[in-house]
Every structure is written in structure tokens, then in C-alpha cells.
C-alpha atoms as a PDB file:
ATOM      1  CA  UNK A   1      -2.622  21.599  -7.417  1.00  0.00           C
ATOM      2  CA  UNK A   2      -5.573  20.344  -5.311  1.00  0.00           C
ATOM      3  CA  UNK A   3      -5.733  16.819  -4.269  1.00  0.00           C
ATOM      4  CA  UNK A   4      -8.754  15.424  -6.127  1.00  0.00           C
ATOM      5  CA  UNK A   5      -9.254  11.821  -5.549  1.00  0.00           C
ATOM      6  CA  UNK A   6     -12.906  10.758  -6.132  1.00  0.00           C
ATOM      7  CA  UNK A   7     -13.410  10.706  -2.335  1.00  0.00           C
ATOM      8  CA  UNK A   8     -15.058  12.806   0.321  1.00  0.00           C
ATOM      9  CA  UNK A   9     -14.342  16.475  -0.187  1.00  0.00           C
ATOM     10  CA  UNK A  10     -13.147  16.883   3.398  1.00  0.00           C
ATOM     11  CA  UNK A  11     -10.768  13.832   3.000  1.00  0.00           C
ATOM     12  CA  UNK A  12      -9.306  15.538  -0.090  1.00  0.00           C
ATOM     13  CA  UNK A  13      -8.925  18.910   1.833  1.00  0.00           C
ATOM     14  CA  UNK A  14      -7.053  17.113   4.524  1.00  0.00           C
ATOM     15  CA  UNK A  15      -4.700  15.529   2.058  1.00  0.00           C
ATOM     16  CA  UNK A  16      -4.118  18.953   0.551  1.00  0.00           C
ATOM     17  CA  UNK A  17      -3.307  20.593   3.800  1.00  0.00           C
ATOM     18  CA  UNK A  18      -1.627  17.860   5.847  1.00  0.00           C
ATOM     19  CA  UNK A  19       1.502  16.198   4.579  1.00  0.00           C
ATOM     20  CA  UNK A  20       1.241  13.494   7.280  1.00  0.00           C
ATOM     21  CA  UNK A  21      -2.232  12.446   5.929  1.00  0.00           C
ATOM     22  CA  UNK A  22      -0.667  11.933   2.469  1.00  0.00           C
ATOM     23  CA  UNK A  23       2.080   9.674   4.021  1.00  0.00           C
ATOM     24  CA  UNK A  24      -0.561   7.763   6.071  1.00  0.00           C
ATOM     25  CA  UNK A  25      -2.816   7.343   3.100  1.00  0.00           C
ATOM     26  CA  UNK A  26       0.070   5.845   1.069  1.00  0.00           C
ATOM     27  CA  UNK A  27       1.113   3.696   4.017  1.00  0.00           C
ATOM     28  CA  UNK A  28      -2.289   2.179   4.005  1.00  0.00           C
ATOM     29  CA  UNK A  29      -2.640   1.792   0.243  1.00  0.00           C
ATOM     30  CA  UNK A  30      -2.184  -1.925   0.080  1.00  0.00           C
ATOM     31  CA  UNK A  31      -4.826  -4.629  -0.041  1.00  0.00           C
ATOM     32  CA  UNK A  32      -7.636  -2.134   0.058  1.00  0.00           C
ATOM     33  CA  UNK A  33      -8.952   0.387  -2.421  1.00  0.00           C
ATOM     34  CA  UNK A  34      -7.188   3.685  -2.993  1.00  0.00           C
ATOM     35  CA  UNK A  35     -10.403   5.396  -1.964  1.00  0.00           C
ATOM     36  CA  UNK A  36     -10.344   3.575   1.343  1.00  0.00           C
ATOM     37  CA  UNK A  37      -6.647   4.120   1.833  1.00  0.00           C
ATOM     38  CA  UNK A  38      -6.801   7.893   1.352  1.00  0.00           C
ATOM     39  CA  UNK A  39     -10.139   8.387   3.175  1.00  0.00           C
ATOM     40  CA  UNK A  40      -8.785   6.742   6.303  1.00  0.00           C
ATOM     41  CA  UNK A  41      -6.584   9.659   7.460  1.00  0.00           C
ATOM     42  CA  UNK A  42      -9.807  11.743   7.568  1.00  0.00           C
ATOM     43  CA  UNK A  43     -11.716   9.065   9.469  1.00  0.00           C
ATOM     44  CA  UNK A  44      -8.721   8.826  11.943  1.00  0.00           C
ATOM     45  CA  UNK A  45      -8.922  12.701  12.399  1.00  0.00           C
ATOM     46  CA  UNK A  46     -12.642  12.328  13.167  1.00  0.00           C
ATOM     47  CA  UNK A  47     -12.068   9.531  15.605  1.00  0.00           C
ATOM     48  CA  UNK A  48      -9.342  11.454  17.478  1.00  0.00           C
ATOM     49  CA  UNK A  49     -11.247  14.729  17.212  1.00  0.00           C
ATOM     50  CA  UNK A  50      -8.174  16.545  15.739  1.00  0.00           C
ATOM     51  CA  UNK A  51      -5.441  16.016  13.147  1.00  0.00           C
ATOM     52  CA  UNK A  52      -2.749  14.094  14.776  1.00  0.00           C
ATOM     53  CA  UNK A  53       0.998  14.945  14.532  1.00  0.00           C
ATOM     54  CA  UNK A  54       3.649  12.291  13.792  1.00  0.00           C
ATOM     55  CA  UNK A  55       4.926  12.670  17.405  1.00  0.00           C
ATOM     56  CA  UNK A  56       1.491  12.071  18.777  1.00  0.00           C
ATOM     57  CA  UNK A  57       1.013   8.896  16.740  1.00  0.00           C
ATOM     58  CA  UNK A  58       4.605   7.784  17.509  1.00  0.00           C
ATOM     59  CA  UNK A  59       3.952   7.984  21.221  1.00  0.00           C
ATOM     60  CA  UNK A  60       0.429   6.767  21.113  1.00  0.00           C
ATOM     61  CA  UNK A  61      -0.498   3.646  23.217  1.00  0.00           C
ATOM     62  CA  UNK A  62      -0.168   0.880  20.648  1.00  0.00           C
ATOM     63  CA  UNK A  63      -3.130  -1.025  21.807  1.00  0.00           C
ATOM     64  CA  UNK A  64      -5.328   2.007  21.997  1.00  0.00           C
ATOM     65  CA  UNK A  65      -4.172   2.961  18.369  1.00  0.00           C
ATOM     66  CA  UNK A  66      -4.938  -0.541  17.201  1.00  0.00           C
ATOM     67  CA  UNK A  67      -8.509  -0.226  18.815  1.00  0.00           C
ATOM     68  CA  UNK A  68      -9.041   3.120  16.933  1.00  0.00           C
ATOM     69  CA  UNK A  69      -7.966   1.520  13.640  1.00  0.00           C
ATOM     70  CA  UNK A  70     -10.248  -1.554  14.271  1.00  0.00           C
ATOM     71  CA  UNK A  71     -13.304   0.421  15.232  1.00  0.00           C
ATOM     72  CA  UNK A  72     -16.045  -0.223  12.576  1.00  0.00           C
ATOM     73  CA  UNK A  73     -15.707   0.529   9.976  1.00  0.00           C
ATOM     74  CA  UNK A  74     -12.061  -0.433  10.357  1.00  0.00           C
ATOM     75  CA  UNK A  75      -9.420   1.982   8.693  1.00  0.00           C
ATOM     76  CA  UNK A  76      -7.874  -1.013   6.981  1.00  0.00           C
ATOM     77  CA  UNK A  77      -8.685  -4.706   6.422  1.00  0.00           C
ATOM     78  CA  UNK A  78      -5.762  -5.456   8.619  1.00  0.00           C
ATOM     79  CA  UNK A  79      -6.110  -2.810  11.388  1.00  0.00           C
ATOM     80  CA  UNK A  80      -3.594  -4.219  13.849  1.00  0.00           C
ATOM     81  CA  UNK A  81      -0.836  -4.525  11.233  1.00  0.00           C
ATOM     82  CA  UNK A  82      -1.539  -1.240   9.646  1.00  0.00           C
ATOM     83  CA  UNK A  83      -1.936   0.718  12.957  1.00  0.00           C
ATOM     84  CA  UNK A  84       1.586  -0.721  13.842  1.00  0.00           C
ATOM     85  CA  UNK A  85       2.944   0.235  10.474  1.00  0.00           C
ATOM     86  CA  UNK A  86       1.571   3.859  10.717  1.00  0.00           C
ATOM     87  CA  UNK A  87       3.124   4.074  14.153  1.00  0.00           C
ATOM     88  CA  UNK A  88       6.437   2.794  12.809  1.00  0.00           C
ATOM     89  CA  UNK A  89       6.355   5.359   9.963  1.00  0.00           C
ATOM     90  CA  UNK A  90       5.650   8.140  12.480  1.00  0.00           C
ATOM     91  CA  UNK A  91       8.554   7.136  14.698  1.00  0.00           C
ATOM     92  CA  UNK A  92      10.917   7.325  11.730  1.00  0.00           C
ATOM     93  CA  UNK A  93       9.438  10.825  10.880  1.00  0.00           C
ATOM     94  CA  UNK A  94      10.065  11.937  14.458  1.00  0.00           C
ATOM     95  CA  UNK A  95      13.512  10.476  14.600  1.00  0.00           C
ATOM     96  CA  UNK A  96      14.851  11.730  11.263  1.00  0.00           C
ATOM     97  CA  UNK A  97      12.557  14.689  10.419  1.00  0.00           C
ATOM     98  CA  UNK A  98      11.609  16.202  13.822  1.00  0.00           C
ATOM     99  CA  UNK A  99       8.050  14.930  13.225  1.00  0.00           C
ATOM    100  CA  UNK A 100       7.512  17.050  10.098  1.00  0.00           C
ATOM    101  CA  UNK A 101       6.291  14.708   7.291  1.00  0.00           C
ATOM    102  CA  UNK A 102       6.953  17.469   4.706  1.00  0.00           C
ATOM    103  CA  UNK A 103      10.590  17.555   5.749  1.00  0.00           C
ATOM    104  CA  UNK A 104      10.796  14.133   4.149  1.00  0.00           C
ATOM    105  CA  UNK A 105      10.717  15.895   0.778  1.00  0.00           C
ATOM    106  CA  UNK A 106      11.041  19.630   1.377  1.00  0.00           C
ATOM    107  CA  UNK A 107      14.870  19.949   0.884  1.00  0.00           C
ATOM    108  CA  UNK A 108      15.586  16.914  -1.115  1.00  0.00           C
ATOM    109  CA  UNK A 109      18.277  18.076  -3.594  1.00  0.00           C
ATOM    110  CA  UNK A 110      17.205  15.614  -6.283  1.00  0.00           C
ATOM    111  CA  UNK A 111      14.914  12.736  -7.109  1.00  0.00           C
ATOM    112  CA  UNK A 112      17.322  10.081  -6.148  1.00  0.00           C
ATOM    113  CA  UNK A 113      17.633  11.443  -2.656  1.00  0.00           C
ATOM    114  CA  UNK A 114      13.829  11.882  -2.458  1.00  0.00           C
ATOM    115  CA  UNK A 115      13.409   8.178  -3.396  1.00  0.00           C
ATOM    116  CA  UNK A 116      15.915   7.113  -0.898  1.00  0.00           C
ATOM    117  CA  UNK A 117      14.411   8.989   1.952  1.00  0.00           C
ATOM    118  CA  UNK A 118      10.977   7.662   1.186  1.00  0.00           C
ATOM    119  CA  UNK A 119      12.259   4.079   0.544  1.00  0.00           C
ATOM    120  CA  UNK A 120      13.825   4.157   4.120  1.00  0.00           C
ATOM    121  CA  UNK A 121      10.123   4.381   5.600  1.00  0.00           C
ATOM    122  CA  UNK A 122       8.892   1.076   7.070  1.00  0.00           C
ATOM    123  CA  UNK A 123       6.741  -0.757   4.505  1.00  0.00           C
ATOM    124  CA  UNK A 124       7.894   1.523   1.566  1.00  0.00           C
ATOM    125  CA  UNK A 125       9.384  -0.863  -0.956  1.00  0.00           C
ATOM    126  CA  UNK A 126      10.576   0.248  -4.217  1.00  0.00           C
ATOM    127  CA  UNK A 127       7.207   0.418  -5.986  1.00  0.00           C
ATOM    128  CA  UNK A 128       5.535   2.350  -3.020  1.00  0.00           C
ATOM    129  CA  UNK A 129       8.351   4.775  -2.813  1.00  0.00           C
ATOM    130  CA  UNK A 130       8.330   5.377  -6.545  1.00  0.00           C
ATOM    131  CA  UNK A 131       4.476   6.061  -6.373  1.00  0.00           C
ATOM    132  CA  UNK A 132       5.010   8.597  -3.495  1.00  0.00           C
ATOM    133  CA  UNK A 133       7.661  10.377  -5.527  1.00  0.00           C
ATOM    134  CA  UNK A 134       5.332  10.447  -8.507  1.00  0.00           C
ATOM    135  CA  UNK A 135       2.455  11.632  -6.283  1.00  0.00           C
ATOM    136  CA  UNK A 136       4.539  14.530  -4.791  1.00  0.00           C
ATOM    137  CA  UNK A 137       5.772  15.492  -8.250  1.00  0.00           C
ATOM    138  CA  UNK A 138       2.371  15.297 -10.047  1.00  0.00           C
ATOM    139  CA  UNK A 139      -0.142  16.470  -7.334  1.00  0.00           C
ATOM    140  CA  UNK A 140       2.014  18.577  -5.001  1.00  0.00           C
ATOM    141  CA  UNK A 141       4.671  20.198  -7.211  1.00  0.00           C
ATOM    142  CA  UNK A 142       7.588  18.529  -5.417  1.00  0.00           C
ATOM    143  CA  UNK A 143       9.802  18.348  -8.393  1.00  0.00           C
ATOM    144  CA  UNK A 144      13.557  18.153  -7.585  1.00  0.00           C
ATOM    145  CA  UNK A 145      15.793  17.496 -10.537  1.00  0.00           C
ATOM    146  CA  UNK A 146      15.365  13.800 -11.633  1.00  0.00           C
ATOM    147  CA  UNK A 147      12.095  13.158  -9.824  1.00  0.00           C
ATOM    148  CA  UNK A 148      10.563  11.601 -12.831  1.00  0.00           C
ATOM    149  CA  UNK A 149      13.364   9.206 -13.306  1.00  0.00           C
ATOM    150  CA  UNK A 150      13.237   8.358  -9.462  1.00  0.00           C
ATOM    151  CA  UNK A 151       9.564   7.638  -9.869  1.00  0.00           C
ATOM    152  CA  UNK A 152      10.128   5.230 -12.674  1.00  0.00           C
ATOM    153  CA  UNK A 153       7.219   4.463 -14.871  1.00  0.00           C
ATOM    154  CA  UNK A 154       4.963   6.218 -12.262  1.00  0.00           C
ATOM    155  CA  UNK A 155       6.656   9.494 -13.114  1.00  0.00           C
ATOM    156  CA  UNK A 156       5.774   9.344 -16.892  1.00  0.00           C
ATOM    157  CA  UNK A 157       3.349  11.978 -18.167  1.00  0.00           C
ATOM    158  CA  UNK A 158      -0.227  10.497 -18.442  1.00  0.00           C
ATOM    159  CA  UNK A 159       1.034   7.141 -17.015  1.00  0.00           C
ATOM    160  CA  UNK A 160      -2.300   6.313 -15.282  1.00  0.00           C
ATOM    161  CA  UNK A 161      -0.499   3.632 -13.170  1.00  0.00           C
ATOM    162  CA  UNK A 162      -1.273   4.823  -9.527  1.00  0.00           C
ATOM    163  CA  UNK A 163      -2.872   7.285  -7.218  1.00  0.00           C
ATOM    164  CA  UNK A 164      -0.350   9.905  -8.557  1.00  0.00           C
ATOM    165  CA  UNK A 165      -2.419  10.073 -11.779  1.00  0.00           C
ATOM    166  CA  UNK A 166      -5.874  10.228 -10.277  1.00  0.00           C
ATOM    167  CA  UNK A 167      -7.696  13.599 -10.464  1.00  0.00           C
ATOM    168  CA  UNK A 168     -11.223  12.446 -11.252  1.00  0.00           C
ATOM    169  CA  UNK A 169     -13.478   9.334 -12.063  1.00  0.00           C
ATOM    170  CA  UNK A 170     -12.059   8.989 -15.541  1.00  0.00           C
ATOM    171  CA  UNK A 171      -8.461   8.923 -14.487  1.00  0.00           C
ATOM    172  CA  UNK A 172      -9.402   6.567 -11.649  1.00  0.00           C
ATOM    173  CA  UNK A 173     -10.942   4.167 -14.282  1.00  0.00           C
ATOM    174  CA  UNK A 174      -7.775   4.418 -16.314  1.00  0.00           C
ATOM    175  CA  UNK A 175      -5.679   3.455 -13.323  1.00  0.00           C
ATOM    176  CA  UNK A 176      -7.936   0.626 -12.404  1.00  0.00           C
ATOM    177  CA  UNK A 177      -7.688  -0.631 -16.093  1.00  0.00           C
ATOM    178  CA  UNK A 178      -3.969  -0.477 -15.954  1.00  0.00           C
ATOM    179  CA  UNK A 179      -3.820  -2.347 -12.637  1.00  0.00           C
ATOM    180  CA  UNK A 180      -6.202  -5.028 -13.907  1.00  0.00           C
ATOM    181  CA  UNK A 181      -4.064  -5.490 -17.046  1.00  0.00           C
ATOM    182  CA  UNK A 182      -0.833  -5.675 -15.149  1.00  0.00           C
ATOM    183  CA  UNK A 183      -2.338  -8.419 -12.735  1.00  0.00           C
ATOM    184  CA  UNK A 184      -3.449 -10.392 -15.763  1.00  0.00           C
ATOM    185  CA  UNK A 185      -0.026 -10.187 -17.262  1.00  0.00           C
ATOM    186  CA  UNK A 186       1.607 -11.212 -14.078  1.00  0.00           C
ATOM    187  CA  UNK A 187      -0.734 -14.168 -13.772  1.00  0.00           C
ATOM    188  CA  UNK A 188      -0.013 -15.179 -17.356  1.00  0.00           C
ATOM    189  CA  UNK A 189       3.828 -14.917 -16.878  1.00  0.00           C
ATOM    190  CA  UNK A 190       3.617 -17.025 -13.700  1.00  0.00           C
ATOM    191  CA  UNK A 191       2.033 -19.928 -15.537  1.00  0.00           C
END
């Protein structure tokens, strides 16, 4: 399946061919739009002049990486924190998976193990880990036994709850409507 977020075609193509770009996109997917989060790996490639490896980013001079993230337009609204987070994620990929982002999921025997591996990444709480499990299953065909259960509600067919379900403008609108409703319900429950 081809990654088909309603973003720049070259950004989608990078997400199709580069597992690290997917991990970086999901790392950045907080407090900014999904489109921005998943376009930022392509912008990073443009700024560096090549697609970086996890090892390269893990060893990158921290201040220089922050400067690259902060260069207008910034890759995230919190460029310092997110450059640091991306670097931390890349260090885990280097330490545990020999720098191969796809190794994070390639040989996962089941959905529970896949979730555990992803949940161990810096900044990947339960929800974000479930979203990546769902994204891998729905968009990339990474479907070890039990992956839908490990993804929770995000793994359901036609859930329209996250980036895992976005394939066009219509599905993006459905995900946005779900998120808006969930926020409204959370606010109402908090009163």
C-alpha cells in the first residue's frame, strides 16, 4: 500500500520508502497538524541534502540539529524539544536495532511484542504506540498475529481515529471530526 496522506507527493514518497521517516513523522505528531508532522521528515531531508540514517541523527551535534529544526519554517512548534526527542529515538534505534528503523517491526512475532517495542521508544506513550501499530498494519502491511488488538481502537477497520486511517482528504476529514468530538467529550467529562 502506498502512503497517501494529503501532503506533498515527495513527502509521501519518502514515507513509502524510508521507515525512519515514518518513525520521525509519528515522533513529531503532537501539538501540530498531522500534515506538518509527516511533511517534516521530507523538509529535514531537503535541509540535510540527503535522507539521514538513525545513526547519523543519533550522533548529530545536538545544537546543530536544533538549529536545523528551528530554521524557518520550523519543523515543529517546539523545535528544540522535538529535535532532542528525534535524536533520543534514533539513539534507541541504533542501540537496540542496529540503526534499522524497520527492524523495530520486521520480526515482531505478534502484536503485543510490536506494541512493546514501539512503546519503549522515547515519547511513545500507550496511545502513540497503538497508533504506530495501527499505521503499520493498515498502511504498510505489518500485521503480526494480534496486531489489531495491540493497536486498540486504532486497529479497528474504518476507525478514522488517527493517521493510520488517512488515505485522502475525505478520510482526513473523518479523523479530524473524530478528534474534535473526542476533545469535546473530554472537556465535558472534566467539568
